[in-house]
Every structure is written in C-alpha cells, then in structure tokens.
C-alpha atoms as a PDB file:
ATOM      1  CA  MET A   1      -5.155  12.805   8.925  1.00  0.00           C
ATOM      2  CA  LYS A   2      -2.444  13.955   6.552  1.00  0.00           C
ATOM      3  CA  ASP A   3       0.786  12.071   6.076  1.00  0.00           C
ATOM      4  CA  TYR A   4       3.416  11.226   3.510  1.00  0.00           C
ATOM      5  CA  ILE A   5       3.872   7.788   2.035  1.00  0.00           C
ATOM      6  CA  ILE A   6       7.585   7.102   1.950  1.00  0.00           C
ATOM      7  CA  SER A   7       9.890   4.250   1.135  1.00  0.00           C
ATOM      8  CA  TYR A   8      11.688   3.121   4.266  1.00  0.00           C
ATOM      9  CA  ARG A   9      14.379   1.672   2.013  1.00  0.00           C
ATOM     10  CA  THR A  10      15.066   4.738  -0.174  1.00  0.00           C
ATOM     11  CA  LYS A  11      13.723   7.465   2.183  1.00  0.00           C
ATOM     12  CA  GLU A  12      11.894   9.068  -0.775  1.00  0.00           C
ATOM     13  CA  LYS A  13       8.419  10.634  -0.489  1.00  0.00           C
ATOM     14  CA  TYR A  14       5.931   9.098  -2.921  1.00  0.00           C
ATOM     15  CA  ALA A  15       2.703  10.850  -1.996  1.00  0.00           C
ATOM     16  CA  LEU A  16       1.045  13.260   0.372  1.00  0.00           C
ATOM     17  CA  ILE A  17      -2.299  11.821   1.411  1.00  0.00           C
ATOM     18  CA  GLU A  18      -5.256  12.684   3.582  1.00  0.00           C
ATOM     19  CA  TYR A  19      -6.769   9.502   4.997  1.00  0.00           C
ATOM     20  CA  LYS A  20      -9.002   8.016   7.656  1.00  0.00           C
ATOM     21  CA  LYS A  21      -9.352   4.613   9.255  1.00  0.00           C
ATOM     22  CA  GLU A  22     -12.521   2.782   8.263  1.00  0.00           C
ATOM     23  CA  ASP A  23     -14.562   1.354  11.126  1.00  0.00           C
ATOM     24  CA  GLU A  24     -15.977  -1.613   9.205  1.00  0.00           C
ATOM     25  CA  ILE A  25     -12.640  -3.284   8.379  1.00  0.00           C
ATOM     26  CA  GLU A  26      -9.845  -3.602  10.912  1.00  0.00           C
ATOM     27  CA  TYR A  27      -6.630  -1.673  10.014  1.00  0.00           C
ATOM     28  CA  TYR A  28      -8.144  -0.499   6.696  1.00  0.00           C
ATOM     29  CA  CYS A  29      -7.743   3.127   5.561  1.00  0.00           C
ATOM     30  CA  THR A  30      -9.079   5.149   2.659  1.00  0.00           C
ATOM     31  CA  GLY A  31      -8.268   8.616   1.472  1.00  0.00           C
ATOM     32  CA  ARG A  32      -7.318  11.113  -1.182  1.00  0.00           C
ATOM     33  CA  ILE A  33      -3.950  11.682  -2.757  1.00  0.00           C
ATOM     34  CA  LEU A  34      -2.999  15.344  -2.440  1.00  0.00           C
ATOM     35  CA  LYS A  35       0.383  15.059  -4.147  1.00  0.00           C
ATOM     36  CA  PHE A  36       1.268  12.055  -6.339  1.00  0.00           C
ATOM     37  CA  SER A  37       4.969  11.255  -6.813  1.00  0.00           C
ATOM     38  CA  PHE A  38       5.049   7.463  -7.076  1.00  0.00           C
ATOM     39  CA  PRO A  39       7.839   6.251  -9.360  1.00  0.00           C
ATOM     40  CA  LYS A  40       6.485   4.863 -12.627  1.00  0.00           C
ATOM     41  CA  LYS A  41       7.772   1.335 -11.864  1.00  0.00           C
ATOM     42  CA  LEU A  42       6.112   1.214  -8.427  1.00  0.00           C
ATOM     43  CA  HIS A  43       2.883   2.682  -9.788  1.00  0.00           C
ATOM     44  CA  GLU A  44       2.801  -0.013 -12.476  1.00  0.00           C
ATOM     45  CA  LEU A  45       3.462  -2.748  -9.907  1.00  0.00           C
ATOM     46  CA  ILE A  46       0.634  -1.524  -7.663  1.00  0.00           C
ATOM     47  CA  ASN A  47      -1.750  -1.401 -10.632  1.00  0.00           C
ATOM     48  CA  GLU A  48      -0.687  -4.889 -11.743  1.00  0.00           C
ATOM     49  CA  TYR A  49      -1.167  -6.218  -8.199  1.00  0.00           C
ATOM     50  CA  ASN A  50      -4.688  -4.769  -8.036  1.00  0.00           C
ATOM     51  CA  GLU A  51      -5.565  -6.160 -11.464  1.00  0.00           C
ATOM     52  CA  LEU A  52      -4.459  -9.643 -10.327  1.00  0.00           C
ATOM     53  CA  VAL A  53      -6.561  -9.352  -7.161  1.00  0.00           C
ATOM     54  CA  ASN A  54      -9.599  -8.117  -9.115  1.00  0.00           C
ATOM     55  CA  THR A  55      -9.348 -10.972 -11.624  1.00  0.00           C
ATOM     56  CA  ILE A  56      -8.583 -13.519  -8.881  1.00  0.00           C
ATOM     57  CA  THR A  57      -5.268 -14.492 -10.509  1.00  0.00           C
ATOM     58  CA  LEU A  58      -3.712 -15.302  -7.175  1.00  0.00           C
ATOM     59  CA  SER A  59      -0.952 -17.554  -8.508  1.00  0.00           C
ATOM     60  CA  LEU A  60       0.976 -14.523  -9.776  1.00  0.00           C
ATOM     61  CA  LEU A  61       0.576 -12.328  -6.681  1.00  0.00           C
ATOM     62  CA  ASP A  62       3.693 -13.441  -4.774  1.00  0.00           C
ATOM     63  CA  GLU A  63       6.063 -12.247  -7.470  1.00  0.00           C
ATOM     64  CA  ILE A  64       4.437  -8.807  -7.705  1.00  0.00           C
ATOM     65  CA  GLU A  65       4.141  -8.476  -3.910  1.00  0.00           C
ATOM     66  CA  GLU A  66       7.839  -9.189  -3.509  1.00  0.00           C
ATOM     67  CA  LYS A  67       8.677  -6.351  -5.912  1.00  0.00           C
ATOM     68  CA  ILE A  68       6.343  -3.922  -4.129  1.00  0.00           C
ATOM     69  CA  TYR A  69       7.670  -4.962  -0.710  1.00  0.00           C
ATOM     70  CA  TRP A  70      11.174  -4.046  -1.793  1.00  0.00           C
ATOM     71  CA  TYR A  71      10.129  -0.384  -1.356  1.00  0.00           C
ATOM     72  CA  ASP A  72       9.011  -1.021   2.250  1.00  0.00           C
ATOM     73  CA  LEU A  73       6.263   1.611   2.145  1.00  0.00           C
ATOM     74  CA  MET A  74       5.191   3.417   5.273  1.00  0.00           C
ATOM     75  CA  LEU A  75       3.483   6.523   6.607  1.00  0.00           C
ATOM     76  CA  LYS A  76       6.154   9.037   7.593  1.00  0.00           C
ATOM     77  CA  SER A  77       4.609  10.681  10.673  1.00  0.00           C
ATOM     78  CA  SER A  78       3.046   7.625  12.263  1.00  0.00           C
ATOM     79  CA  GLU A  79       5.838   5.286  11.105  1.00  0.00           C
ATOM     80  CA  ASN A  80       3.242   2.635  10.229  1.00  0.00           C
ATOM     81  CA  ARG A  81       4.062   0.315   7.374  1.00  0.00           C
ATOM     82  CA  ILE A  82       1.319   0.096   4.774  1.00  0.00           C
ATOM     83  CA  PHE A  83       0.170  -2.945   2.839  1.00  0.00           C
ATOM     84  CA  ASN A  84      -2.120  -3.888  -0.059  1.00  0.00           C
ATOM     85  CA  ILE A  85      -2.231  -0.411  -1.556  1.00  0.00           C
ATOM     86  CA  SER A  86      -4.883   0.364  -4.116  1.00  0.00           C
ATOM     87  CA  LEU A  87      -4.703   3.509  -6.260  1.00  0.00           C
ATOM     88  CA  LYS A  88      -7.661   4.816  -8.240  1.00  0.00           C
ATOM     89  CA  GLU A  89      -7.067   7.430 -10.928  1.00  0.00           C
ATOM     90  CA  ASN A  90      -4.031   8.704  -8.969  1.00  0.00           C
ATOM     91  CA  GLU A  91      -6.548  10.516  -6.791  1.00  0.00           C
ATOM     92  CA  TYR A  92      -7.866   7.942  -4.302  1.00  0.00           C
ATOM     93  CA  ILE A  93      -5.975   5.470  -2.166  1.00  0.00           C
ATOM     94  CA  SER A  94      -6.736   2.597   0.160  1.00  0.00           C
ATOM     95  CA  PHE A  95      -4.404   0.430   2.208  1.00  0.00           C
ATOM     96  CA  PHE A  96      -4.007  -1.641   5.364  1.00  0.00           C
ATOM     97  CA  LEU A  97      -1.879  -0.659   8.364  1.00  0.00           C
ATOM     98  CA  LYS A  98      -1.177  -4.344   9.011  1.00  0.00           C
ATOM     99  CA  TYR A  99      -0.743  -7.171   6.530  1.00  0.00           C
ATOM    100  CA  PRO A 100      -4.004  -9.173   6.321  1.00  0.00           C
ATOM    101  CA  THR A 101      -3.738 -12.983   6.303  1.00  0.00           C
ATOM    102  CA  SER A 102      -6.216 -15.798   6.829  1.00  0.00           C
ATOM    103  CA  ASP A 103      -4.775 -16.188  10.349  1.00  0.00           C
ATOM    104  CA  GLY A 104      -5.037 -12.524  11.326  1.00  0.00           C
ATOM    105  CA  PHE A 105      -2.843  -9.484  10.804  1.00  0.00           C
ATOM    106  CA  LEU A 106       0.943  -9.149  10.686  1.00  0.00           C
ATOM    107  CA  ASP A 107       3.016  -6.090  11.575  1.00  0.00           C
ATOM    108  CA  ARG A 108       5.605  -6.872   8.882  1.00  0.00           C
ATOM    109  CA  TYR A 109       5.684  -8.423   5.462  1.00  0.00           C
ATOM    110  CA  PRO A 110       5.336 -12.189   5.415  1.00  0.00           C
ATOM    111  CA  SER A 111       8.262 -14.295   4.252  1.00  0.00           C
ATOM    112  CA  ILE A 112       7.932 -14.821   0.535  1.00  0.00           C
END
C-alpha cells in the first residue's frame, strides 16, 4: 500500500511510503520510503529514540517520545496514527498502527 505520513498537528507531508502489515507482529508495518521530507528536528528525534531503544536506555525515552508525539504522525489515506517509527538510511521504515504497551495496544498516545 502507498500512503503519505503526515503530521495531524501541522498538516504537513513528511514522507511517501509503500508499506505492508507484517503477519508475525500485530499492528506492525514495514516498508520503503519513496519520498523523504521529514524535518531535520523530527528525523533527529526519531533516530535518538531508536538509539535509546537499541541501547536499552529506557529512562530517557519518555522525554523523546513526548517530543515526537507533538507531531501526531499518521497515515493520510487510512487516517491511522503511527507509533514507534524506525527509519533506516532514509530508505526503510517500520512502525506500529497502535501504540504497544505491556497491557496490549492503544489507539492513541499514552499520557506522559
């Protein structure tokens, strides 16, 4: 499927992607970035978030998540919010269509 990633808050388009839902993990999608237009600040925040997750530095995640959530990212056509975005070389993307928690999935961002 093709869709744009937009900010619900600013109404700006940040990327055109082609993605698919993965069967092995509920609400998880992977794909390719066809057109990359993420603002530098947001791109840096997403990279910092992923670095913290990869190094298991969970104590700092809330602050970074709050800054990313400000953008309120979603898929334009399907109007699904997207969570836990990972970007690789500005060419590959992965994300969840619901926010994963230890108690299940949420449709919206958790209260931080």
